[in-house]
Amino acid sequence: MPKAAPTLRQRKIFALTRILGGLVAACYLGYVVIANLAGGMPFDSKLMFTALVAAAGLGYAAWYLRDLSAVAREERAQGVNGNGGAKG
């Protein structure tokens, strides 16, 4: 039995949720790294790993931004406005 494909609106909400999650994680972890460096902690392996995970959060958000862009292109191709309705 074939599975139902998600609608464009569902894909858009999923991508936005992932983008916001990645940005929040990256901002928080970036703040942790900067606060620890400002507090005099050495840039050791633990802090380096935290910085790498923050960069991965930015990459995660960027990946789903590409997905959101693809959804917008599909909406334009189908003639759907941003609210899910037809243009007109």
Protein backbone atom coordinates (compact mmCIF):
# COMPACT_ATOMS: atom_id res chain seq x y z
CA MET A 1 0.00 0.00 0.00
CA PRO A 2 1.58 3.34 -1.03
CA LYS A 3 2.26 5.96 1.61
CA ALA A 4 0.73 9.40 1.31
CA ALA A 5 3.22 12.12 0.41
CA PRO A 6 3.32 15.16 2.72
CA THR A 7 1.67 18.30 1.42
CA LEU A 8 3.68 21.40 0.57
CA ARG A 9 2.40 23.09 3.74
CA GLN A 10 3.54 20.13 5.87
CA ARG A 11 6.95 20.15 4.21
CA LYS A 12 7.23 23.90 4.77
CA ILE A 13 6.38 23.64 8.48
CA PHE A 14 8.78 20.71 8.91
CA ALA A 15 11.62 22.64 7.25
CA LEU A 16 10.93 25.80 9.27
CA THR A 17 10.93 23.80 12.49
CA ARG A 18 14.26 22.22 11.63
CA ILE A 19 15.76 25.56 10.59
CA LEU A 20 14.72 27.24 13.84
CA GLY A 21 15.96 24.29 15.89
CA GLY A 22 19.35 24.33 14.19
CA LEU A 23 19.71 28.08 14.63
CA VAL A 24 18.73 27.98 18.31
CA ALA A 25 21.19 25.16 18.99
CA ALA A 26 23.97 26.94 17.08
CA CYS A 27 23.35 30.24 18.85
CA TYR A 28 23.26 28.65 22.29
CA LEU A 29 26.37 26.54 21.76
CA GLY A 30 28.18 29.48 20.16
CA TYR A 31 27.33 31.54 23.24
CA VAL A 32 28.68 28.77 25.48
CA VAL A 33 31.97 28.72 23.57
CA ILE A 34 32.36 32.50 23.64
CA ALA A 35 31.39 32.77 27.31
CA ASN A 36 33.90 30.09 28.27
CA LEU A 37 36.67 31.70 26.24
CA ALA A 38 35.85 35.10 27.76
CA GLY A 39 35.94 33.50 31.19
CA GLY A 40 39.51 32.38 30.65
CA MET A 41 38.96 28.70 29.80
CA PRO A 42 41.50 27.21 27.41
CA PHE A 43 40.28 26.13 23.96
CA ASP A 44 40.69 22.45 24.77
CA SER A 45 39.10 19.40 23.16
CA LYS A 46 35.76 19.77 24.99
CA LEU A 47 35.33 23.39 23.94
CA MET A 48 36.47 22.57 20.42
CA PHE A 49 33.85 19.82 20.21
CA THR A 50 31.19 22.28 21.39
CA ALA A 51 32.26 24.73 18.68
CA LEU A 52 32.09 21.95 16.07
CA VAL A 53 28.58 20.99 17.18
CA ALA A 54 27.57 24.67 16.93
CA ALA A 55 28.91 24.73 13.36
CA ALA A 56 27.00 21.51 12.66
CA GLY A 57 23.82 23.24 13.89
CA LEU A 58 24.39 26.01 11.37
CA GLY A 59 24.96 23.43 8.65
CA TYR A 60 21.76 21.63 9.67
CA ALA A 61 19.79 24.86 9.40
CA ALA A 62 21.36 25.65 6.02
CA TRP A 63 20.48 22.19 4.68
CA TYR A 64 16.81 22.61 5.57
CA LEU A 65 16.87 26.15 4.19
CA ARG A 66 17.65 24.53 0.86
CA ASP A 67 14.67 22.22 1.36
CA LEU A 68 12.44 25.20 2.15
CA SER A 69 13.67 26.88 -1.03
CA ALA A 70 12.71 23.78 -3.01
CA VAL A 71 9.22 23.88 -1.49
CA ALA A 72 8.89 27.54 -2.51
CA ARG A 73 9.92 26.69 -6.08
CA GLU A 74 7.30 23.92 -6.19
CA GLU A 75 4.65 26.31 -4.87
CA ARG A 76 5.49 28.84 -7.58
CA ALA A 77 5.37 26.12 -10.22
CA GLN A 78 1.93 25.00 -9.03
CA GLY A 79 0.61 28.55 -8.74
CA VAL A 80 0.06 28.40 -4.99
CA ASN A 81 0.50 31.48 -2.81
CA GLY A 82 2.29 31.45 0.57
CA ASN A 83 -0.94 30.75 2.49
CA GLY A 84 -1.69 27.51 0.71
CA GLY A 85 -4.40 28.94 -1.55
CA ALA A 86 -4.46 29.53 -5.26
CA LYS A 87 -3.22 32.81 -6.68
CA GLY A 88 -5.79 35.24 -7.89
